[in-house]
N, C-alpha and C. Protein backbone atom coordinates (compact mmCIF):
# COMPACT_ATOMS: atom_id res chain seq x y z
N MET A 1 119.25 72.59 75.64
CA MET A 1 118.09 72.21 76.42
C MET A 1 117.93 73.17 77.59
N VAL A 2 116.72 73.64 77.81
CA VAL A 2 116.43 74.56 78.90
C VAL A 2 116.01 73.77 80.12
N GLN A 3 116.65 74.06 81.25
CA GLN A 3 116.29 73.39 82.49
C GLN A 3 115.27 74.24 83.23
N LYS A 4 114.31 73.56 83.83
CA LYS A 4 113.31 74.27 84.63
C LYS A 4 113.90 74.59 86.00
N ALA A 5 113.61 75.78 86.46
CA ALA A 5 114.05 76.17 87.81
C ALA A 5 113.19 75.44 88.82
N SER A 6 113.79 75.10 89.94
CA SER A 6 113.00 74.43 90.99
C SER A 6 112.00 75.42 91.58
N VAL A 7 110.84 74.92 91.89
CA VAL A 7 109.78 75.76 92.46
C VAL A 7 110.02 75.89 93.95
N HIS A 8 110.17 77.14 94.41
CA HIS A 8 110.45 77.38 95.83
C HIS A 8 109.17 77.57 96.62
N GLN A 9 108.20 78.24 96.05
CA GLN A 9 106.97 78.52 96.78
C GLN A 9 106.20 77.23 97.03
N GLY A 10 105.84 77.04 98.29
CA GLY A 10 105.05 75.87 98.65
C GLY A 10 105.82 74.57 98.52
N GLY A 11 107.12 74.65 98.44
CA GLY A 11 107.95 73.48 98.23
C GLY A 11 108.16 72.66 99.48
N ASP A 12 109.38 72.47 99.82
CA ASP A 12 109.82 71.59 100.90
C ASP A 12 109.17 71.94 102.23
N LYS A 13 108.50 70.96 102.85
CA LYS A 13 107.80 71.21 104.11
C LYS A 13 108.76 71.46 105.27
N ARG A 14 109.97 70.94 105.20
CA ARG A 14 110.91 71.17 106.30
C ARG A 14 111.36 72.62 106.38
N HIS A 15 111.17 73.35 105.31
CA HIS A 15 111.52 74.78 105.32
C HIS A 15 110.32 75.66 105.66
N ALA A 16 109.13 75.09 105.72
CA ALA A 16 107.91 75.89 105.93
C ALA A 16 107.93 76.61 107.27
N ARG A 17 108.27 75.92 108.34
CA ARG A 17 108.26 76.56 109.67
C ARG A 17 109.34 77.64 109.78
N PRO A 18 110.60 77.36 109.42
CA PRO A 18 111.60 78.44 109.51
C PRO A 18 111.24 79.65 108.64
N ILE A 19 110.69 79.43 107.47
CA ILE A 19 110.32 80.55 106.60
C ILE A 19 109.16 81.32 107.22
N ALA A 20 108.22 80.63 107.85
CA ALA A 20 107.11 81.32 108.53
C ALA A 20 107.64 82.18 109.67
N ILE A 21 108.62 81.68 110.39
CA ILE A 21 109.23 82.45 111.49
C ILE A 21 109.94 83.68 110.94
N VAL A 22 110.68 83.50 109.85
CA VAL A 22 111.36 84.64 109.22
C VAL A 22 110.33 85.68 108.77
N GLY A 23 109.21 85.22 108.21
CA GLY A 23 108.15 86.14 107.79
C GLY A 23 107.59 86.94 108.95
N ARG A 24 107.40 86.28 110.08
CA ARG A 24 106.86 86.99 111.26
C ARG A 24 107.88 88.00 111.79
N ILE A 25 109.14 87.60 111.86
CA ILE A 25 110.19 88.52 112.33
C ILE A 25 110.29 89.72 111.39
N ALA A 26 110.27 89.47 110.09
CA ALA A 26 110.34 90.56 109.11
C ALA A 26 109.15 91.50 109.25
N SER A 27 107.97 90.95 109.53
CA SER A 27 106.78 91.78 109.72
C SER A 27 106.93 92.69 110.93
N VAL A 28 107.43 92.13 112.03
CA VAL A 28 107.63 92.92 113.25
C VAL A 28 108.66 94.02 113.01
N LEU A 29 109.75 93.68 112.33
CA LEU A 29 110.79 94.68 112.05
C LEU A 29 110.26 95.78 111.13
N SER A 30 109.44 95.43 110.18
CA SER A 30 108.86 96.45 109.29
C SER A 30 107.95 97.39 110.06
N VAL A 31 107.14 96.84 110.95
CA VAL A 31 106.27 97.69 111.76
C VAL A 31 107.11 98.62 112.62
N CYS A 32 108.20 98.10 113.20
CA CYS A 32 109.10 98.95 114.00
C CYS A 32 109.67 100.09 113.15
N MET A 33 110.03 99.78 111.91
CA MET A 33 110.58 100.79 111.03
C MET A 33 109.56 101.90 110.78
N TYR A 34 108.30 101.54 110.57
CA TYR A 34 107.29 102.56 110.30
C TYR A 34 106.86 103.29 111.56
N VAL A 35 106.92 102.65 112.70
CA VAL A 35 106.62 103.33 113.97
C VAL A 35 107.66 104.43 114.22
N SER A 36 108.85 104.25 113.66
CA SER A 36 109.89 105.27 113.84
C SER A 36 109.53 106.60 113.17
N TYR A 37 108.46 106.63 112.39
CA TYR A 37 107.98 107.90 111.83
C TYR A 37 107.32 108.78 112.89
N ILE A 38 106.92 108.22 113.99
CA ILE A 38 106.20 108.99 115.01
C ILE A 38 106.99 110.21 115.49
N PRO A 39 108.30 110.09 115.80
CA PRO A 39 109.04 111.30 116.18
C PRO A 39 109.08 112.36 115.07
N GLN A 40 109.18 111.91 113.81
CA GLN A 40 109.17 112.88 112.71
C GLN A 40 107.81 113.56 112.62
N ILE A 41 106.75 112.82 112.81
CA ILE A 41 105.40 113.40 112.79
C ILE A 41 105.27 114.42 113.91
N MET A 42 105.78 114.09 115.09
CA MET A 42 105.72 115.02 116.23
C MET A 42 106.51 116.29 115.94
N ASP A 43 107.72 116.14 115.35
CA ASP A 43 108.51 117.32 114.97
C ASP A 43 107.77 118.15 113.92
N ASN A 44 107.17 117.48 112.95
CA ASN A 44 106.42 118.20 111.92
C ASN A 44 105.31 119.03 112.55
N LEU A 45 104.58 118.43 113.47
CA LEU A 45 103.48 119.13 114.13
C LEU A 45 103.95 120.25 115.04
N ALA A 46 105.20 120.13 115.53
CA ALA A 46 105.76 121.16 116.41
C ALA A 46 106.37 122.32 115.62
N GLY A 47 106.23 122.28 114.30
CA GLY A 47 106.74 123.38 113.49
C GLY A 47 108.13 123.17 112.93
N HIS A 48 108.66 121.96 113.03
CA HIS A 48 109.99 121.63 112.49
C HIS A 48 109.83 120.53 111.43
N PRO A 49 109.25 120.88 110.28
CA PRO A 49 108.95 119.85 109.29
C PRO A 49 110.19 119.20 108.70
N GLY A 50 110.08 117.90 108.49
CA GLY A 50 111.14 117.14 107.85
C GLY A 50 110.91 117.08 106.35
N ASN A 51 111.80 116.41 105.68
CA ASN A 51 111.69 116.25 104.24
C ASN A 51 110.56 115.27 103.92
N PRO A 52 109.62 115.62 103.05
CA PRO A 52 108.47 114.76 102.77
C PRO A 52 108.73 113.67 101.73
N VAL A 53 109.89 113.69 101.07
CA VAL A 53 110.12 112.77 99.95
C VAL A 53 110.17 111.31 100.41
N GLN A 54 110.94 111.02 101.44
CA GLN A 54 111.07 109.63 101.89
C GLN A 54 109.75 109.06 102.39
N PRO A 55 108.98 109.77 103.22
CA PRO A 55 107.68 109.22 103.62
C PRO A 55 106.73 109.00 102.43
N LEU A 56 106.79 109.87 101.43
CA LEU A 56 105.95 109.68 100.25
C LEU A 56 106.34 108.41 99.51
N ALA A 57 107.64 108.19 99.35
CA ALA A 57 108.12 106.96 98.71
C ALA A 57 107.72 105.74 99.52
N ALA A 58 107.84 105.83 100.84
CA ALA A 58 107.46 104.71 101.71
C ALA A 58 105.96 104.44 101.61
N PHE A 59 105.16 105.49 101.52
CA PHE A 59 103.71 105.32 101.38
C PHE A 59 103.38 104.48 100.15
N PHE A 60 103.93 104.87 99.00
CA PHE A 60 103.63 104.12 97.78
C PHE A 60 104.21 102.72 97.81
N ASN A 61 105.39 102.57 98.39
CA ASN A 61 105.99 101.24 98.54
C ASN A 61 105.07 100.34 99.36
N CYS A 62 104.62 100.82 100.50
CA CYS A 62 103.74 100.03 101.38
C CYS A 62 102.40 99.75 100.72
N LEU A 63 101.87 100.74 100.03
CA LEU A 63 100.58 100.57 99.35
C LEU A 63 100.66 99.44 98.32
N PHE A 64 101.70 99.47 97.50
CA PHE A 64 101.81 98.46 96.45
C PHE A 64 102.13 97.08 97.00
N TRP A 65 102.96 96.99 98.05
CA TRP A 65 103.22 95.69 98.67
C TRP A 65 101.95 95.14 99.31
N THR A 66 101.14 95.99 99.91
CA THR A 66 99.89 95.54 100.51
C THR A 66 98.94 95.01 99.43
N ILE A 67 98.81 95.75 98.35
CA ILE A 67 97.96 95.29 97.24
C ILE A 67 98.46 93.95 96.72
N TYR A 68 99.76 93.83 96.54
CA TYR A 68 100.36 92.58 96.07
C TYR A 68 100.02 91.43 97.02
N GLY A 69 100.23 91.65 98.32
CA GLY A 69 99.98 90.60 99.30
C GLY A 69 98.52 90.19 99.38
N LEU A 70 97.62 91.14 99.19
CA LEU A 70 96.18 90.84 99.28
C LEU A 70 95.63 90.15 98.03
N PHE A 71 96.19 90.47 96.88
CA PHE A 71 95.61 89.98 95.64
C PHE A 71 96.38 88.83 94.99
N LYS A 72 97.39 88.30 95.68
CA LYS A 72 98.02 87.08 95.21
C LYS A 72 97.00 85.95 95.28
N LYS A 73 97.23 84.90 94.52
CA LYS A 73 96.32 83.76 94.57
C LYS A 73 96.18 83.25 96.00
N GLU A 74 97.30 83.09 96.68
CA GLU A 74 97.29 82.77 98.11
C GLU A 74 97.78 84.02 98.83
N ARG A 75 96.92 84.64 99.61
CA ARG A 75 97.28 85.90 100.27
C ARG A 75 98.56 85.74 101.08
N ASP A 76 99.37 86.77 101.04
CA ASP A 76 100.65 86.77 101.76
C ASP A 76 100.51 87.68 102.97
N TRP A 77 100.01 87.12 104.07
CA TRP A 77 99.69 87.92 105.25
C TRP A 77 100.89 88.59 105.89
N PRO A 78 102.07 87.96 105.96
CA PRO A 78 103.21 88.70 106.53
C PRO A 78 103.52 89.99 105.77
N ILE A 79 103.39 89.95 104.45
CA ILE A 79 103.63 91.17 103.66
C ILE A 79 102.55 92.21 103.96
N VAL A 80 101.31 91.78 104.05
CA VAL A 80 100.22 92.72 104.33
C VAL A 80 100.39 93.34 105.71
N VAL A 81 100.60 92.49 106.72
CA VAL A 81 100.74 92.98 108.10
C VAL A 81 101.94 93.91 108.23
N ALA A 82 103.00 93.61 107.51
CA ALA A 82 104.21 94.44 107.59
C ALA A 82 104.01 95.82 106.96
N ASN A 83 103.14 95.92 105.99
CA ASN A 83 103.04 97.16 105.22
C ASN A 83 101.84 98.04 105.52
N VAL A 84 100.77 97.51 106.08
CA VAL A 84 99.60 98.33 106.38
C VAL A 84 99.93 99.48 107.34
N PRO A 85 100.67 99.23 108.44
CA PRO A 85 101.00 100.37 109.31
C PRO A 85 101.82 101.44 108.57
N GLY A 86 102.67 101.01 107.65
CA GLY A 86 103.47 101.95 106.89
C GLY A 86 102.65 102.86 106.02
N ILE A 87 101.53 102.36 105.50
CA ILE A 87 100.65 103.20 104.69
C ILE A 87 100.19 104.40 105.51
N PHE A 88 99.70 104.13 106.70
CA PHE A 88 99.13 105.20 107.53
C PHE A 88 100.20 106.10 108.14
N LEU A 89 101.28 105.51 108.65
CA LEU A 89 102.32 106.32 109.29
C LEU A 89 103.12 107.13 108.28
N ALA A 90 103.40 106.55 107.12
CA ALA A 90 104.11 107.30 106.08
C ALA A 90 103.23 108.43 105.55
N ALA A 91 101.94 108.15 105.38
CA ALA A 91 101.02 109.22 104.94
C ALA A 91 100.98 110.34 105.96
N ALA A 92 100.93 109.99 107.24
CA ALA A 92 100.90 111.01 108.30
C ALA A 92 102.20 111.82 108.29
N ALA A 93 103.34 111.14 108.14
CA ALA A 93 104.62 111.85 108.11
C ALA A 93 104.69 112.79 106.90
N PHE A 94 104.23 112.31 105.76
CA PHE A 94 104.23 113.14 104.55
C PHE A 94 103.32 114.36 104.71
N LEU A 95 102.09 114.09 105.12
CA LEU A 95 101.10 115.18 105.21
C LEU A 95 101.48 116.22 106.26
N THR A 96 102.02 115.78 107.39
CA THR A 96 102.41 116.75 108.41
C THR A 96 103.66 117.52 108.01
N ALA A 97 104.49 116.95 107.13
CA ALA A 97 105.67 117.67 106.64
C ALA A 97 105.29 118.72 105.62
N VAL A 98 104.24 118.45 104.86
CA VAL A 98 103.83 119.34 103.78
C VAL A 98 102.87 120.42 104.26
N PHE A 99 101.96 120.06 105.15
CA PHE A 99 100.91 121.02 105.56
C PHE A 99 101.17 121.52 106.94
């Protein structure tokens, strides 16, 4: 007999607030991570280009997470908010490293 897995999404209301707080904290930390590209962008513009591979990977990662968060049946705003800055900052880091 196959047992059904318990549904976690939208489940227990007592976990809703702590999970929402974790989502907000994770969003802030993600934005901080992508803001850390600014020194690399500045170095790239100053003629000391960094490796473009990681920012390119981050760009696609953020792009796909943003699409996922926007097009879910119920939009996942913490995922969207966490990844939109990464799209722009990773693209800037990549482009300034290459050009």
